[in-house]
Amino acid sequence: MPMPERCERFAEYRDKVLELFASKGFGQVGMRELAACLGLSPGSLYHHYPSKQHLLLDLIEEFYEELLSTLGRIDKKALAKRDKLQNLIRVHLTLHQEMPWHFRLAERDSGCLNEEQQERVRQLREQYERQLLKILLGSKPRLNDQAQQATGHAIASLLNSAPGWLAQPSLDERDREELLENLVSGAIERLLRPLVPRVAA
């Protein structure tokens, strides 16, 4: 849904709505509770969003738009492959801090959308996964389509779930970030290693 058509009050209270969906679970939030969170009557909310699924899709689209925009900025930088990987890890860690509820909704609740909406989310995720591979492997990956899709999906899943592995506050932020970078970069490098053509002896 184009930005001008989005409910202005929703934009103002977006973080509250995100937290409500993410903490209670999308299926547990009714339109009345959602309207109350926004300070609207249920009828007014229906005027802007025909269903809460439309609102959820809006949030997930916002999430992927931010991911794609961030990847676009990395792709424009003239960096060595190793530096691009480190940059990718850092920006995902930063986005996890800035958009924690978006990550949770995109991973957990996109299955609550209707078939057409789920197809839109699949398209966005595949676009994001292809962009990840392009950054890591260059514009001419040496993979068939199925291998590209599987590798992109695995790398995206690592980048998007890794920060949750160390959610406990026992490490200071710098140590946590360094540990996550080591875990994720090691896993991604291992994933990509078999993809390099082997030279026959």
Protein backbone atom coordinates (compact mmCIF):
# COMPACT_ATOMS: atom_id res chain seq x y z
CA MET A 1 0.00 0.00 0.00
CA PRO A 2 1.54 3.37 -1.00
CA MET A 3 2.61 5.53 1.93
CA PRO A 4 0.04 8.33 1.33
CA GLU A 5 -2.77 5.79 1.68
CA ARG A 6 -1.53 4.46 5.01
CA CYS A 7 -3.48 5.49 8.07
CA GLU A 8 -1.77 8.57 9.52
CA ARG A 9 -2.60 7.55 13.06
CA PHE A 10 -1.16 4.09 12.40
CA ALA A 11 2.10 5.69 11.25
CA GLU A 12 2.15 7.73 14.47
CA TYR A 13 1.50 4.69 16.70
CA ARG A 14 3.31 2.09 14.56
CA ASP A 15 5.66 0.98 17.34
CA LYS A 16 2.74 0.33 19.70
CA VAL A 17 0.98 -1.75 17.05
CA LEU A 18 4.18 -3.66 16.30
CA GLU A 19 4.72 -4.41 19.96
CA LEU A 20 1.10 -5.48 20.40
CA PHE A 21 1.27 -7.91 17.47
CA ALA A 22 4.73 -9.22 18.34
CA SER A 23 4.19 -9.64 22.09
CA LYS A 24 0.68 -11.13 22.04
CA GLY A 25 0.89 -12.89 18.68
CA PHE A 26 -0.94 -11.67 15.61
CA GLY A 27 -3.76 -14.19 15.97
CA GLN A 28 -4.50 -13.05 19.54
CA VAL A 29 -5.07 -9.37 18.64
CA GLY A 30 -8.59 -8.41 17.55
CA MET A 31 -9.60 -5.36 15.52
CA ARG A 32 -11.26 -3.78 18.59
CA GLU A 33 -8.04 -4.05 20.61
CA LEU A 34 -6.07 -2.76 17.65
CA ALA A 35 -8.41 0.21 17.21
CA ALA A 36 -8.18 0.97 20.95
CA CYS A 37 -4.36 0.90 20.72
CA LEU A 38 -4.60 3.53 17.96
CA GLY A 39 -7.26 5.59 19.72
CA LEU A 40 -9.76 4.90 16.91
CA SER A 41 -13.18 3.32 16.75
CA PRO A 42 -13.22 -0.08 15.02
CA GLY A 43 -15.26 1.47 12.19
CA SER A 44 -12.62 4.13 11.60
CA LEU A 45 -9.88 1.52 11.48
CA TYR A 46 -11.82 -0.52 8.91
CA HIS A 47 -11.97 2.62 6.77
CA HIS A 48 -8.14 2.56 6.48
CA TYR A 49 -7.51 -1.19 6.67
CA PRO A 50 -10.12 -3.74 5.53
CA SER A 51 -8.56 -6.31 7.87
CA LYS A 52 -5.71 -6.66 10.32
CA GLN A 53 -3.98 -8.84 7.70
CA HIS A 54 -3.67 -5.74 5.50
CA LEU A 55 -2.01 -3.94 8.40
CA LEU A 56 0.35 -6.88 9.01
CA LEU A 57 1.30 -6.94 5.32
CA ASP A 58 2.03 -3.22 5.53
CA LEU A 59 4.45 -3.85 8.42
CA ILE A 60 6.17 -6.76 6.68
CA GLU A 61 6.50 -4.78 3.44
CA GLU A 62 8.06 -1.95 5.46
CA PHE A 63 10.55 -4.45 6.92
CA TYR A 64 11.64 -5.82 3.53
CA GLU A 65 11.77 -2.35 1.98
CA GLU A 66 14.23 -1.33 4.72
CA LEU A 67 16.31 -4.50 4.24
CA LEU A 68 16.46 -3.99 0.45
CA SER A 69 17.34 -0.33 0.82
CA THR A 70 20.14 -1.20 3.25
CA LEU A 71 21.51 -3.90 0.92
CA GLY A 72 21.39 -1.44 -1.97
CA ARG A 73 23.66 0.94 -0.03
CA ILE A 74 26.15 -1.86 0.72
CA ASP A 75 26.14 -3.03 -2.89
CA LYS A 76 27.14 0.45 -4.11
CA LYS A 77 30.25 0.49 -1.93
CA ALA A 78 33.48 -0.73 -3.50
CA LEU A 79 34.43 -3.23 -0.81
CA ALA A 80 36.35 -6.50 -0.80
CA LYS A 81 34.18 -9.61 -0.43
CA ARG A 82 35.28 -10.14 3.20
CA ASP A 83 34.45 -6.52 4.04
CA LYS A 84 31.04 -6.84 2.39
CA LEU A 85 30.28 -9.87 4.54
CA GLN A 86 31.28 -8.02 7.72
CA ASN A 87 29.21 -5.03 6.60
CA LEU A 88 26.19 -7.26 5.97
CA ILE A 89 26.46 -8.77 9.44
CA ARG A 90 26.80 -5.38 11.12
CA VAL A 91 23.83 -3.82 9.33
CA HIS A 92 21.64 -6.81 10.22
CA LEU A 93 22.66 -6.51 13.87
CA THR A 94 21.84 -2.79 13.76
CA LEU A 95 18.47 -3.44 12.10
CA HIS A 96 17.71 -6.05 14.78
CA GLN A 97 18.22 -3.35 17.40
CA GLU A 98 16.19 -0.76 15.49
CA MET A 99 13.38 -3.02 14.20
CA PRO A 100 13.12 -5.99 16.60
CA TRP A 101 9.34 -6.36 16.29
CA HIS A 102 9.49 -6.32 12.47
CA PHE A 103 11.90 -9.27 12.46
CA ARG A 104 9.64 -11.25 14.77
CA LEU A 105 6.50 -10.55 12.74
CA ALA A 106 8.13 -11.33 9.38
CA GLU A 107 9.50 -14.66 10.61
CA ARG A 108 6.59 -15.78 12.77
CA ASP A 109 3.33 -14.28 11.50
CA SER A 110 3.49 -14.00 7.71
CA GLY A 111 1.62 -17.34 7.58
CA CYS A 112 -1.44 -15.49 8.95
CA LEU A 113 -1.78 -13.57 5.69
CA ASN A 114 -4.06 -14.66 2.85
CA GLU A 115 -2.60 -16.48 -0.15
CA GLU A 116 -2.14 -13.36 -2.29
CA GLN A 117 -0.48 -11.48 0.56
CA GLN A 118 1.81 -14.43 1.32
CA GLU A 119 2.85 -14.45 -2.33
CA ARG A 120 3.79 -10.77 -2.03
CA VAL A 121 5.92 -11.57 1.05
CA ARG A 122 7.56 -14.50 -0.82
CA GLN A 123 8.46 -12.17 -3.69
CA LEU A 124 9.99 -9.62 -1.32
CA ARG A 125 11.94 -12.28 0.57
CA GLU A 126 13.27 -13.83 -2.65
CA GLN A 127 14.31 -10.39 -3.90
CA TYR A 128 16.14 -9.82 -0.62
CA GLU A 129 17.82 -13.26 -0.78
CA ARG A 130 18.96 -12.69 -4.39
CA GLN A 131 20.41 -9.32 -3.39
CA LEU A 132 22.32 -10.96 -0.51
CA LEU A 133 23.86 -13.49 -2.89
CA LYS A 134 24.72 -10.81 -5.43
CA ILE A 135 26.64 -8.90 -2.76
CA LEU A 136 28.47 -12.00 -1.54
CA LEU A 137 29.14 -13.75 -4.85
CA GLY A 138 29.12 -10.94 -7.40
CA SER A 139 26.79 -10.48 -10.35
CA LYS A 140 27.55 -13.89 -11.91
CA PRO A 141 27.03 -16.57 -9.26
CA ARG A 142 28.33 -20.03 -10.21
CA LEU A 143 25.17 -21.77 -9.09
CA ASN A 144 22.09 -23.24 -10.69
CA ASP A 145 18.75 -21.65 -9.79
CA GLN A 146 17.85 -24.17 -7.07
CA ALA A 147 21.26 -23.90 -5.40
CA GLN A 148 21.05 -20.09 -5.50
CA GLN A 149 17.61 -20.13 -3.92
CA ALA A 150 18.63 -22.58 -1.16
CA THR A 151 21.88 -20.73 -0.38
CA GLY A 152 20.21 -17.32 -0.33
CA HIS A 153 17.50 -18.63 1.96
CA ALA A 154 20.02 -20.20 4.34
CA ILE A 155 22.13 -17.03 4.55
CA ALA A 156 19.07 -14.81 5.06
CA SER A 157 17.81 -17.12 7.82
CA LEU A 158 21.18 -16.96 9.57
CA LEU A 159 21.38 -13.18 9.38
CA ASN A 160 17.81 -12.70 10.56
CA SER A 161 17.79 -15.16 13.44
CA ALA A 162 21.35 -14.98 14.81
CA PRO A 163 20.84 -11.92 17.07
CA GLY A 164 18.07 -13.79 18.90
CA TRP A 165 20.47 -16.60 19.83
CA LEU A 166 22.25 -14.38 22.36
CA ALA A 167 19.35 -12.37 23.68
CA GLN A 168 20.49 -12.77 27.28
CA PRO A 169 22.08 -9.58 28.65
CA SER A 170 25.06 -11.42 30.16
CA LEU A 171 27.51 -10.12 27.52
CA ASP A 172 28.28 -6.48 26.99
CA GLU A 173 27.22 -5.13 23.61
CA ARG A 174 30.66 -5.17 22.01
CA ASP A 175 31.42 -8.78 23.04
CA ARG A 176 27.96 -9.88 21.90
CA GLU A 177 28.41 -8.20 18.52
CA GLU A 178 31.86 -9.74 18.05
CA LEU A 179 30.61 -13.22 18.97
CA LEU A 180 27.66 -12.92 16.59
CA GLU A 181 29.91 -11.69 13.79
CA ASN A 182 32.23 -14.67 14.30
CA LEU A 183 29.35 -17.18 14.40
CA VAL A 184 27.53 -15.82 11.38
CA SER A 185 30.58 -15.06 9.24
CA GLY A 186 31.98 -18.56 9.89
CA ALA A 187 28.68 -20.19 8.95
CA ILE A 188 28.25 -18.08 5.81
CA GLU A 189 31.81 -18.63 4.67
CA ARG A 190 31.32 -22.38 5.12
CA LEU A 191 28.07 -22.24 3.15
CA LEU A 192 29.77 -20.42 0.29
CA ARG A 193 32.99 -22.51 0.24
CA PRO A 194 31.59 -25.55 -1.64
CA LEU A 195 30.22 -23.21 -4.28
CA VAL A 196 33.68 -22.29 -5.57
CA PRO A 197 34.51 -24.54 -8.54
CA ARG A 198 37.09 -27.19 -7.66
CA VAL A 199 40.10 -27.60 -9.89
CA ALA A 200 40.81 -31.18 -10.87
CA ALA A 201 44.21 -32.49 -9.73
